[in-house]
């Protein structure tokens, strides 16, 4: 499938936003200045960032 995508033979599959930190939302959260984030929001962002890095390293 990866070669097909690189060659343009198939459209890219749809991507769903999922949070590993047990938060689910279809809507995009409003953007806030990082200095205004609560501790929970900071933890969620950190977990999501680490999950993305892990997924990218597998590919």
N, C-alpha and C. Protein backbone atom coordinates (compact mmCIF):
# COMPACT_ATOMS: atom_id res chain seq x y z
N UNK A 1 0.83 -1.20 0.00
CA UNK A 1 0.00 0.00 0.00
C UNK A 1 0.87 1.26 0.00
N UNK A 2 1.97 1.23 0.75
CA UNK A 2 2.85 2.40 0.81
C UNK A 2 3.36 2.74 -0.59
N UNK A 3 3.80 1.75 -1.36
CA UNK A 3 4.29 2.01 -2.71
C UNK A 3 3.18 2.56 -3.60
N UNK A 4 1.96 2.05 -3.43
CA UNK A 4 0.84 2.55 -4.22
C UNK A 4 0.58 4.02 -3.92
N UNK A 5 0.66 4.38 -2.64
CA UNK A 5 0.44 5.78 -2.26
C UNK A 5 1.56 6.65 -2.83
N UNK A 6 2.80 6.19 -2.71
CA UNK A 6 3.94 6.96 -3.23
C UNK A 6 3.82 7.15 -4.74
N UNK A 7 3.35 6.13 -5.43
CA UNK A 7 3.21 6.21 -6.88
C UNK A 7 1.95 6.94 -7.32
N UNK A 8 1.07 7.24 -6.39
CA UNK A 8 -0.15 7.95 -6.72
C UNK A 8 -1.24 7.07 -7.30
N UNK A 9 -1.11 5.75 -7.13
CA UNK A 9 -2.10 4.83 -7.68
C UNK A 9 -3.41 4.86 -6.89
N UNK A 10 -3.33 5.17 -5.62
CA UNK A 10 -4.52 5.18 -4.77
C UNK A 10 -4.59 6.51 -4.03
N UNK A 11 -5.80 6.97 -3.75
CA UNK A 11 -5.90 8.17 -2.91
C UNK A 11 -5.48 7.84 -1.49
N UNK A 12 -5.06 8.83 -0.77
CA UNK A 12 -4.67 8.62 0.62
C UNK A 12 -5.89 8.20 1.44
N UNK A 13 -5.72 7.28 2.37
CA UNK A 13 -6.85 6.88 3.20
C UNK A 13 -7.25 8.03 4.12
N UNK A 14 -8.53 8.07 4.53
CA UNK A 14 -8.95 9.13 5.44
C UNK A 14 -8.23 9.00 6.79
N UNK A 15 -7.98 10.12 7.41
CA UNK A 15 -7.28 10.15 8.69
C UNK A 15 -8.24 10.66 9.75
N UNK A 16 -8.30 9.96 10.86
CA UNK A 16 -9.15 10.36 11.97
C UNK A 16 -8.27 10.82 13.10
N UNK A 17 -8.63 11.94 13.71
CA UNK A 17 -7.86 12.44 14.84
C UNK A 17 -8.27 11.67 16.08
N UNK A 18 -7.28 11.06 16.73
CA UNK A 18 -7.53 10.28 17.93
C UNK A 18 -6.52 10.72 18.97
N UNK A 19 -6.97 10.86 20.19
CA UNK A 19 -6.08 11.21 21.27
C UNK A 19 -5.79 9.96 22.09
N UNK A 20 -4.54 9.68 22.32
CA UNK A 20 -4.14 8.53 23.13
C UNK A 20 -4.44 8.78 24.60
N UNK A 21 -4.59 10.03 24.98
CA UNK A 21 -4.75 10.41 26.38
C UNK A 21 -6.21 10.36 26.83
N UNK A 22 -7.00 9.49 26.24
CA UNK A 22 -8.39 9.25 26.65
C UNK A 22 -9.30 10.46 26.47
N UNK A 23 -9.00 11.29 25.53
CA UNK A 23 -9.92 12.38 25.21
C UNK A 23 -10.39 12.16 23.79
N UNK A 24 -11.67 12.32 23.57
CA UNK A 24 -12.20 12.15 22.22
C UNK A 24 -13.02 13.37 21.86
N UNK A 25 -12.84 13.82 20.66
CA UNK A 25 -13.60 14.96 20.20
C UNK A 25 -13.57 14.99 18.68
N UNK A 26 -14.71 15.24 18.10
CA UNK A 26 -14.76 15.39 16.65
C UNK A 26 -14.38 16.83 16.28
N UNK A 27 -14.74 17.76 17.14
CA UNK A 27 -14.45 19.17 16.88
C UNK A 27 -12.99 19.46 17.21
N UNK A 28 -12.42 20.37 16.45
CA UNK A 28 -11.07 20.84 16.75
C UNK A 28 -11.16 21.76 17.97
N UNK A 29 -10.35 21.54 19.00
CA UNK A 29 -10.43 22.41 20.17
C UNK A 29 -9.98 23.83 19.81
N UNK A 30 -10.52 24.82 20.51
CA UNK A 30 -10.10 26.19 20.22
C UNK A 30 -8.62 26.38 20.56
N UNK A 31 -7.95 27.16 19.74
CA UNK A 31 -6.53 27.40 19.98
C UNK A 31 -6.35 28.35 21.15
N UNK A 32 -5.41 28.03 22.01
CA UNK A 32 -5.10 28.89 23.14
C UNK A 32 -3.59 29.05 23.20
N UNK A 33 -3.19 30.12 23.82
CA UNK A 33 -1.77 30.32 24.07
C UNK A 33 -1.30 29.21 25.01
N UNK A 34 -0.17 28.61 24.72
CA UNK A 34 0.31 27.49 25.54
C UNK A 34 0.49 27.88 27.00
N UNK A 35 0.76 29.14 27.28
CA UNK A 35 0.93 29.57 28.67
C UNK A 35 -0.38 29.50 29.44
N UNK A 36 -1.51 29.41 28.73
CA UNK A 36 -2.82 29.35 29.38
C UNK A 36 -3.33 27.92 29.53
N UNK A 37 -2.59 26.92 29.05
CA UNK A 37 -3.03 25.54 29.12
C UNK A 37 -3.05 25.05 30.57
N UNK A 38 -4.03 24.25 30.90
CA UNK A 38 -4.08 23.62 32.22
C UNK A 38 -3.06 22.48 32.24
N UNK A 39 -2.78 21.97 33.44
CA UNK A 39 -1.84 20.85 33.55
C UNK A 39 -2.32 19.64 32.77
N UNK A 40 -3.64 19.39 32.80
CA UNK A 40 -4.18 18.24 32.08
C UNK A 40 -3.98 18.42 30.57
N UNK A 41 -4.23 19.62 30.05
CA UNK A 41 -4.03 19.87 28.62
C UNK A 41 -2.56 19.67 28.23
N UNK A 42 -1.65 20.09 29.09
CA UNK A 42 -0.22 19.91 28.81
C UNK A 42 0.14 18.43 28.76
N UNK A 43 -0.41 17.63 29.71
CA UNK A 43 -0.14 16.19 29.72
C UNK A 43 -0.70 15.53 28.46
N UNK A 44 -1.93 15.91 28.08
CA UNK A 44 -2.55 15.33 26.89
C UNK A 44 -1.71 15.64 25.66
N UNK A 45 -1.27 16.87 25.52
CA UNK A 45 -0.44 17.25 24.37
C UNK A 45 0.87 16.47 24.34
N UNK A 46 1.48 16.30 25.52
CA UNK A 46 2.74 15.56 25.60
C UNK A 46 2.54 14.10 25.19
N UNK A 47 1.48 13.47 25.70
CA UNK A 47 1.19 12.07 25.36
C UNK A 47 0.92 11.94 23.87
N UNK A 48 0.12 12.86 23.32
CA UNK A 48 -0.20 12.81 21.89
C UNK A 48 1.06 12.98 21.04
N UNK A 49 1.94 13.90 21.44
CA UNK A 49 3.18 14.13 20.70
C UNK A 49 4.05 12.87 20.71
N UNK A 50 4.17 12.24 21.89
CA UNK A 50 4.98 11.03 22.00
C UNK A 50 4.38 9.89 21.17
N UNK A 51 3.06 9.80 21.14
CA UNK A 51 2.39 8.77 20.35
C UNK A 51 2.65 8.98 18.86
N UNK A 52 2.58 10.22 18.42
CA UNK A 52 2.83 10.53 17.00
C UNK A 52 4.27 10.18 16.63
N UNK A 53 5.21 10.52 17.50
CA UNK A 53 6.62 10.21 17.24
C UNK A 53 6.81 8.70 17.15
N UNK A 54 6.14 7.95 18.04
CA UNK A 54 6.25 6.49 18.02
C UNK A 54 5.69 5.91 16.72
N UNK A 55 4.55 6.42 16.30
CA UNK A 55 3.93 5.93 15.06
C UNK A 55 4.81 6.24 13.86
N UNK A 56 5.36 7.44 13.82
CA UNK A 56 6.21 7.83 12.70
C UNK A 56 7.47 6.96 12.66
N UNK A 57 8.02 6.63 13.83
CA UNK A 57 9.25 5.83 13.85
C UNK A 57 9.00 4.40 13.37
N UNK A 58 7.77 3.90 13.51
CA UNK A 58 7.42 2.56 13.04
C UNK A 58 7.37 2.53 11.52
N UNK A 59 6.86 3.59 10.95
CA UNK A 59 6.70 3.67 9.49
C UNK A 59 8.04 3.86 8.91
